[in-house]
Protein backbone atom coordinates (compact mmCIF):
# COMPACT_ATOMS: atom_id res chain seq x y z
CA MET A 1 -7.94 -18.25 18.65
CA ARG A 2 -9.92 -21.35 19.56
CA SER A 3 -8.18 -22.14 22.83
CA THR A 4 -5.49 -20.04 24.50
CA TYR A 5 -6.42 -16.67 22.98
CA GLY A 6 -10.13 -17.13 23.65
CA LYS A 7 -9.47 -18.05 27.28
CA LEU A 8 -7.19 -15.03 27.68
CA ILE A 9 -9.83 -12.65 26.31
CA TYR A 10 -12.55 -14.07 28.55
CA LEU A 11 -10.22 -13.84 31.56
CA LEU A 12 -9.47 -10.19 30.76
CA GLN A 13 -13.17 -9.59 30.13
CA ASP A 14 -13.99 -10.80 33.65
CA SER A 15 -11.16 -8.70 35.08
CA GLN A 16 -12.93 -5.59 33.73
CA THR A 17 -15.97 -6.06 35.96
CA PRO A 18 -16.18 -3.48 38.80
CA GLU A 19 -16.10 -6.19 41.49
CA VAL A 20 -12.87 -7.73 40.22
CA LYS A 21 -11.27 -4.33 39.60
CA ASP A 22 -11.98 -3.31 43.19
CA LEU A 23 -10.56 -6.58 44.44
CA LEU A 24 -7.36 -6.33 42.38
CA SER A 25 -6.91 -2.56 42.74
CA PHE A 26 -5.45 -2.40 39.22
CA SER A 27 -6.49 -3.00 35.62
CA CYS A 28 -5.24 -6.05 33.74
CA VAL A 29 -5.95 -4.37 30.40
CA LYS A 30 -3.74 -1.88 28.58
CA PRO A 31 -3.81 -0.65 24.96
CA ILE A 32 -2.03 -2.88 22.44
CA HIS A 33 1.31 -1.64 21.09
CA THR A 34 0.92 -1.11 17.34
CA VAL A 35 3.72 -0.42 14.88
CA TYR A 36 2.30 3.04 14.23
CA ALA A 37 2.09 3.92 17.93
CA VAL A 38 5.69 2.83 18.59
CA LEU A 39 7.06 4.76 15.62
CA GLU A 40 4.95 7.83 16.40
CA GLU A 41 6.19 7.86 20.00
CA HIS A 42 9.80 8.02 18.78
CA GLU A 43 9.14 10.34 15.80
CA ALA A 44 10.11 7.65 13.30
CA LEU A 45 6.99 7.53 11.13
CA ASP A 46 9.11 8.26 8.05
CA LEU A 47 10.01 4.57 8.15
CA LEU A 48 6.53 3.78 6.80
CA ARG A 49 7.10 6.11 3.83
CA ASP A 50 10.62 4.92 3.01
CA ASP A 51 10.96 3.34 -0.45
CA LEU A 52 12.84 0.39 1.06
CA ILE A 53 9.93 -0.63 3.32
CA SER A 54 8.22 -2.52 0.49
CA VAL A 55 11.40 -4.54 -0.13
CA ALA A 56 11.94 -5.18 3.59
CA THR A 57 8.39 -6.43 4.22
CA LYS A 58 7.50 -8.25 1.00
CA GLU A 59 6.80 -11.95 1.16
CA ILE A 60 9.14 -14.11 -0.92
CA TYR A 61 7.33 -16.68 -3.05
CA SER A 62 8.94 -19.95 -4.03
CA GLU A 63 6.41 -21.19 -6.62
CA ASP A 64 7.84 -21.60 -10.13
CA ARG A 65 11.07 -19.80 -9.26
CA SER A 66 14.69 -20.93 -9.27
CA ARG A 67 16.73 -21.21 -6.08
CA ARG A 68 18.99 -18.41 -7.35
CA GLU A 69 16.05 -16.00 -7.72
CA ILE A 70 14.77 -16.86 -4.25
CA GLN A 71 18.20 -16.40 -2.65
CA ARG A 72 18.62 -13.07 -4.44
CA ASP A 73 15.32 -11.82 -3.02
CA ILE A 74 16.21 -13.06 0.47
CA LYS A 75 19.54 -11.19 0.39
CA SER A 76 17.85 -8.06 -0.91
CA LYS A 77 15.23 -8.23 1.85
CA GLU A 78 17.88 -8.76 4.56
CA ARG A 79 19.89 -5.77 3.31
CA ALA A 80 16.78 -3.57 3.30
CA ILE A 81 15.92 -4.58 6.88
CA GLU A 82 19.44 -3.82 8.10
CA THR A 83 19.55 -0.49 6.26
CA LEU A 84 16.20 0.64 7.69
CA SER A 85 16.91 -0.56 11.23
CA SER A 86 20.20 1.35 11.21
CA LYS A 87 18.70 4.47 9.62
CA TYR A 88 15.69 4.84 11.94
CA SER A 89 17.10 3.64 15.26
CA ARG A 90 17.55 6.42 17.80
CA SER A 91 17.51 7.12 21.51
CA GLY A 92 14.76 4.97 23.03
CA LEU A 93 14.23 3.05 19.78
CA SER A 94 16.85 0.36 19.24
CA GLN A 95 17.68 -1.37 15.97
CA GLU A 96 16.01 -4.52 17.30
CA GLN A 97 12.78 -2.60 17.96
CA VAL A 98 12.83 -1.20 14.42
CA ARG A 99 13.36 -4.73 13.09
CA GLN A 100 10.40 -5.89 15.18
CA CYS A 101 8.23 -3.21 13.57
CA ILE A 102 9.36 -4.30 10.10
CA TYR A 103 8.74 -7.98 10.91
CA SER A 104 5.25 -7.11 12.19
CA ILE A 105 4.37 -5.45 8.88
CA GLY A 106 5.75 -8.51 7.09
CA ASP A 107 3.57 -10.75 9.26
CA ASN A 108 0.53 -8.88 8.00
CA HIS A 109 1.57 -9.54 4.40
CA ALA A 110 1.94 -13.24 5.20
CA PHE A 111 -1.51 -13.22 6.83
CA LEU A 112 -3.04 -11.60 3.75
CA ARG A 113 -1.44 -14.14 1.45
CA THR A 114 -2.84 -17.08 3.42
CA ASN A 115 -6.25 -15.62 4.23
CA ARG A 116 -7.19 -13.02 1.63
CA ASP A 117 -5.52 -14.37 -1.50
CA PRO A 118 -7.65 -17.57 -1.67
CA CYS A 119 -10.67 -15.26 -2.06
CA ASP A 120 -8.95 -13.55 -5.00
CA ARG A 121 -8.15 -16.94 -6.53
CA MET A 122 -11.75 -18.15 -6.18
CA ILE A 123 -13.03 -14.92 -7.76
CA ALA A 124 -10.59 -15.49 -10.64
CA TYR A 125 -11.83 -19.10 -11.02
CA LEU A 126 -15.45 -17.89 -11.05
CA LYS A 127 -14.72 -15.41 -13.84
CA GLN A 128 -12.56 -17.89 -15.78
CA TYR A 129 -14.93 -20.86 -15.82
CA PHE A 130 -18.40 -19.25 -15.79
CA HIS A 131 -20.13 -16.55 -17.81
CA PRO A 132 -21.93 -13.89 -15.74
CA THR A 133 -25.22 -14.17 -17.62
CA ASN A 134 -25.27 -16.98 -20.19
CA PRO A 135 -24.00 -20.47 -19.25
CA LYS A 136 -22.82 -22.37 -22.33
CA ASP A 137 -24.35 -25.67 -21.14
CA PRO A 138 -26.24 -27.12 -18.13
CA LYS A 139 -22.96 -28.14 -16.45
CA SER A 140 -21.85 -24.51 -16.52
CA SER A 141 -25.09 -23.24 -14.99
CA LEU A 142 -24.97 -22.14 -11.35
CA ALA A 143 -28.76 -22.04 -11.00
CA ILE A 144 -30.18 -23.44 -7.75
CA LYS A 145 -33.74 -24.26 -6.69
CA ILE A 146 -35.16 -24.42 -3.19
CA GLY A 147 -35.45 -28.01 -1.97
CA LYS A 148 -33.08 -29.38 -4.62
CA GLY A 149 -29.76 -30.65 -3.27
CA GLY A 150 -30.51 -29.10 0.12
CA ALA A 151 -30.81 -25.56 -1.26
CA ARG A 152 -32.85 -23.05 0.72
CA LEU A 153 -32.73 -20.39 -2.00
CA THR A 154 -33.90 -20.16 -5.62
CA HIS A 155 -31.60 -18.29 -8.01
CA ASP A 156 -31.19 -18.42 -11.77
CA HIS A 157 -27.63 -18.57 -13.13
CA GLN A 158 -27.16 -14.82 -13.40
CA LYS A 159 -28.44 -14.17 -9.88
CA GLN A 160 -26.37 -16.98 -8.34
CA TYR A 161 -23.22 -15.81 -10.15
CA ALA A 162 -23.72 -12.32 -8.70
CA TYR A 163 -24.50 -13.78 -5.26
CA VAL A 164 -21.30 -15.85 -5.21
CA LEU A 165 -19.18 -12.97 -6.54
CA GLN A 166 -20.46 -10.53 -3.93
CA SER A 167 -20.01 -13.08 -1.11
CA LEU A 168 -16.38 -13.77 -2.09
CA THR A 169 -15.76 -10.04 -2.55
CA LEU A 170 -17.17 -9.32 0.91
CA TRP A 171 -15.00 -12.04 2.49
CA ARG A 172 -11.98 -10.59 0.72
CA GLU A 173 -12.71 -7.10 2.06
CA ILE A 174 -13.25 -8.41 5.60
CA LEU A 175 -9.97 -10.34 5.55
CA HIS A 176 -8.11 -7.38 4.04
CA ASP A 177 -9.13 -5.34 7.11
CA MET A 178 -9.03 -8.24 9.58
CA PHE A 179 -6.34 -6.77 11.85
CA HIS A 180 -8.28 -3.51 12.10
CA LEU A 181 -11.46 -5.45 12.88
CA TRP A 182 -9.57 -7.56 15.40
CA THR A 183 -8.34 -4.45 17.23
CA LEU A 184 -11.88 -3.06 17.39
CA ALA A 185 -13.21 -6.44 18.51
CA GLU A 186 -10.83 -6.45 21.47
CA GLN A 187 -11.94 -2.94 22.39
CA ASP A 188 -15.58 -4.05 22.33
CA LEU A 189 -14.90 -7.24 24.29
CA LEU A 190 -12.95 -5.44 27.00
CA ASN A 191 -15.23 -2.42 27.24
CA GLU A 192 -16.17 -2.17 30.91
CA ASN A 193 -19.25 -0.09 30.01
CA VAL A 194 -20.75 -2.85 27.83
CA PRO A 195 -21.07 -5.95 30.04
CA TYR A 196 -21.89 -9.38 28.64
CA ARG A 197 -24.91 -11.55 29.50
CA LEU A 198 -24.52 -15.31 29.91
CA ARG A 199 -27.21 -16.92 27.74
CA ASP A 200 -28.05 -20.26 26.20
CA THR A 201 -27.82 -19.50 22.47
CA GLY A 202 -28.75 -22.99 21.33
CA GLN A 203 -25.06 -23.86 21.11
CA GLY A 204 -24.42 -23.94 24.85
CA LEU A 205 -23.88 -21.05 27.24
CA ASN A 206 -22.28 -18.06 25.54
CA ARG A 207 -21.32 -14.54 26.50
CA VAL A 208 -23.71 -12.33 24.56
CA GLN A 209 -22.32 -8.81 24.27
CA ALA A 210 -22.93 -5.88 21.93
CA ALA A 211 -20.00 -4.93 19.69
CA PRO A 212 -20.70 -1.38 18.46
CA LYS A 213 -17.22 -0.59 17.08
CA THR A 214 -16.86 -3.91 15.26
CA SER A 215 -20.41 -3.66 13.91
CA ARG A 216 -19.82 -0.11 12.65
CA MET A 217 -16.65 -1.20 10.84
CA MET A 218 -18.42 -4.23 9.35
CA HIS A 219 -21.19 -2.06 7.95
CA ALA A 220 -18.53 0.21 6.39
CA ILE A 221 -16.85 -2.83 4.80
CA LEU A 222 -20.21 -4.13 3.56
CA ASN A 223 -20.99 -0.73 2.06
CA ARG A 224 -17.59 -0.70 0.31
CA ALA A 225 -18.18 -4.18 -1.11
CA GLN A 226 -21.67 -3.20 -2.31
CA ARG A 227 -20.30 -0.11 -4.06
CA SER A 228 -17.53 -2.09 -5.78
CA ILE A 229 -20.02 -4.62 -7.16
CA GLY A 230 -22.82 -2.19 -7.97
CA SER A 231 -25.76 -4.36 -6.90
CA TRP A 232 -26.67 -6.68 -4.05
CA VAL A 233 -28.45 -10.03 -4.02
CA GLY A 234 -30.04 -11.31 -0.82
CA SER A 235 -30.05 -9.95 2.71
CA SER A 236 -27.46 -7.52 4.09
CA VAL A 237 -28.22 -8.32 7.75
CA ILE A 238 -25.06 -8.62 9.89
CA HIS A 239 -25.46 -10.76 13.01
CA MET A 240 -23.56 -9.36 15.99
CA GLY A 241 -24.34 -9.72 19.68
CA ASP A 242 -27.21 -12.18 19.16
CA HIS A 243 -27.64 -15.96 19.40
CA ASN A 244 -25.95 -16.46 16.00
CA VAL A 245 -22.80 -14.43 16.71
CA PRO A 246 -22.83 -13.80 20.49
CA ASN A 247 -19.88 -11.41 20.66
CA ALA A 248 -16.97 -9.90 18.73
CA LEU A 249 -14.65 -12.82 19.54
CA MET A 250 -17.05 -15.23 17.82
CA PHE A 251 -17.25 -12.86 14.86
CA ILE A 252 -13.47 -12.69 14.44
CA ASP A 253 -13.19 -16.46 14.85
CA LYS A 254 -15.92 -17.01 12.25
CA TYR A 255 -14.23 -14.99 9.52
CA SER A 256 -10.69 -16.06 10.35
CA GLN A 257 -11.82 -19.54 9.23
CA VAL A 258 -12.56 -18.51 5.61
CA TYR A 259 -9.13 -19.66 4.43
CA ARG A 260 -9.78 -23.08 5.99
CA ILE A 261 -12.61 -23.47 3.46
CA LEU A 262 -11.11 -21.87 0.37
CA LEU A 263 -7.42 -22.78 0.61
CA PRO A 264 -7.89 -26.59 0.38
CA ILE A 265 -10.17 -26.11 -2.65
CA CYS A 266 -7.66 -23.79 -4.33
CA ASN A 267 -4.80 -26.19 -3.59
CA THR A 268 -6.70 -29.13 -5.07
CA LEU A 269 -7.56 -27.18 -8.22
CA SER A 270 -3.93 -26.08 -8.64
CA GLN A 271 -2.75 -29.71 -8.33
CA ILE A 272 -5.06 -31.13 -11.02
CA PRO A 273 -2.65 -30.28 -13.92
CA HIS A 274 0.05 -32.29 -12.10
CA LEU A 275 -2.30 -35.26 -11.64
CA VAL A 276 -2.89 -35.62 -15.37
CA GLU A 277 0.86 -36.04 -15.92
CA ASN A 278 0.32 -39.57 -14.58
CA PRO A 279 -1.12 -41.67 -17.47
CA ALA A 280 -3.34 -43.79 -15.19
CA LEU A 281 -4.79 -40.76 -13.42
CA ARG A 282 -5.23 -38.94 -16.71
CA SER A 283 -7.24 -41.89 -18.03
CA TYR A 284 -9.40 -41.90 -14.86
CA ILE A 285 -10.06 -38.15 -15.09
CA ASP A 286 -10.82 -38.30 -18.82
CA ASP A 287 -13.24 -41.21 -18.33
CA GLU A 288 -15.10 -39.52 -15.47
CA TRP A 289 -15.02 -35.83 -16.39
CA GLY A 290 -13.85 -35.66 -20.00
CA SER A 291 -10.78 -33.57 -19.21
CA ALA A 292 -8.89 -31.85 -16.41
CA GLU A 293 -10.81 -28.68 -17.23
CA GLY A 294 -14.10 -30.56 -16.96
CA LEU A 295 -13.06 -31.82 -13.52
CA SER A 296 -12.13 -28.33 -12.32
CA ARG A 297 -15.39 -26.95 -13.68
CA GLU A 298 -17.47 -29.58 -11.84
CA ILE A 299 -15.72 -28.95 -8.50
CA LEU A 300 -16.18 -25.20 -8.86
CA ALA A 301 -19.78 -25.45 -10.08
CA ASP A 302 -20.73 -27.67 -7.15
CA PHE A 303 -19.10 -25.33 -4.63
CA PHE A 304 -20.53 -22.18 -6.21
CA ARG A 305 -24.01 -23.72 -6.24
CA HIS A 306 -24.24 -25.55 -2.92
CA GLY A 307 -21.64 -23.64 -0.91
CA PHE A 308 -23.89 -20.59 -1.40
CA ASP A 309 -27.41 -22.03 -1.34
CA GLY A 310 -28.66 -20.88 2.07
CA SER A 311 -28.24 -24.32 3.65
CA GLY A 312 -26.71 -25.19 7.01
CA ALA A 313 -29.40 -24.17 9.52
CA GLY A 314 -33.01 -24.94 10.37
CA ASN A 315 -34.44 -21.54 9.43
CA TYR A 316 -33.84 -18.61 7.10
CA PHE A 317 -32.80 -16.24 9.88
CA ASP A 318 -29.80 -18.37 10.92
CA ALA A 319 -28.68 -19.31 7.40
CA GLY A 320 -30.35 -18.13 4.19
CA SER A 321 -28.80 -15.18 2.36
CA CYS A 322 -27.75 -12.99 5.31
CA ILE A 323 -24.09 -11.98 5.62
CA ASP A 324 -23.19 -14.67 8.16
CA GLY A 325 -25.50 -17.27 6.60
CA ARG A 326 -23.31 -17.32 3.49
CA LEU A 327 -20.42 -18.63 5.57
CA THR A 328 -22.73 -21.15 7.27
CA SER A 329 -23.67 -22.54 3.84
CA ALA A 330 -20.01 -22.83 2.82
CA TRP A 331 -19.18 -24.79 5.98
CA ASN A 332 -22.19 -27.01 5.30
CA TRP A 333 -20.78 -27.79 1.84
CA CYS A 334 -17.47 -28.78 3.45
CA SER A 335 -19.29 -31.28 5.68
CA THR A 336 -20.71 -33.05 2.60
CA LEU A 337 -17.49 -33.18 0.55
CA GLU A 338 -16.85 -36.89 1.18
CA LYS A 339 -20.17 -37.67 -0.54
CA LYS A 340 -19.15 -35.90 -3.77
CA ARG A 341 -17.94 -37.98 -6.70
CA PHE A 342 -14.83 -35.81 -7.01
CA PHE A 343 -13.79 -36.44 -3.37
CA PRO A 344 -11.08 -38.96 -4.45
CA ILE A 345 -9.41 -36.13 -6.39
CA PHE A 346 -9.10 -34.12 -3.17
CA LEU A 347 -7.46 -37.11 -1.48
CA LEU A 348 -5.06 -37.59 -4.40
CA THR A 349 -3.87 -33.99 -4.05
CA GLY A 350 -3.07 -34.32 -0.33
CA PHE A 351 -6.32 -33.10 1.24
CA VAL A 352 -6.80 -34.16 4.88
CA GLY A 353 -9.56 -31.84 6.09
CA PHE A 354 -10.87 -28.31 6.49
CA ASP A 355 -9.39 -27.85 9.96
CA GLY A 356 -6.36 -25.90 8.80
CA ASP A 357 -4.04 -28.87 8.33
CA TRP A 358 -2.69 -29.23 4.81
């Protein structure tokens, strides 16, 4: 995404200009082959409705399971793949092609587990550790005030709780539909009728290009998230094709980084119960935070306050409470982690950074 893929897209984008097309006398761009398109072409769409498809594409978890259970699931999955590939192969559609379709669906499940599930876990933590309206003590309050701790917003506990919940819910919905958004983003980027303009956006020269299909889908996702929550706190402005998010590639890159923020936090929180099994570490945690639960609550409270406080930019248009500004604030919190008093806990649980390495 950050290197090879981005260069490829920009190369293809340039190949779509009339001058280059005339020079080459052919188009470098062709529609992507989706699982649905391949199966539809060979009249094999029943594969997607087969009861075995859920077994053949499910991801096998290893956490808190015996080796025997894992091996049993692996064998069951392999049998399902072989059964389906044999059943739906036909003239022009080999067993290997059917397997490739099944593996592609499985890849999506793996993507969702890594990218979407941390959002679900953070939502669960929010509901587990904090009351929606009445914090039991000051440490459990998520209230923020402009100018305090770098905050650029003022919310009482109830408002901040709702703001965090709706932000995490929106991220979850975006990541759930990421592959659909990604497909639309490529269509926008490679649309020969919507050329880009090279502009200095304040972060160097960028290709500023409208993304109508991606923007339309994003507004539909935002509307779905708003309906599921019932109310909305803050701005619902979506930056697309401006100096904040110059084009659809930048948009996809921005939201594909959500797991880089949330996954390390979730992993650290899940490791805390194992830390307290060590008597020395248990003593340290009890002395500093009172208990393992107190430690988890402080980490979460700090993130839910200052990872969603409108910080991270020099004005309210670039950060603040807009849709993209919420992610800017979360990244800003990540940049200050080493200054937090619970930073040693992150190091003790194997944390090395928010760059995707874990």
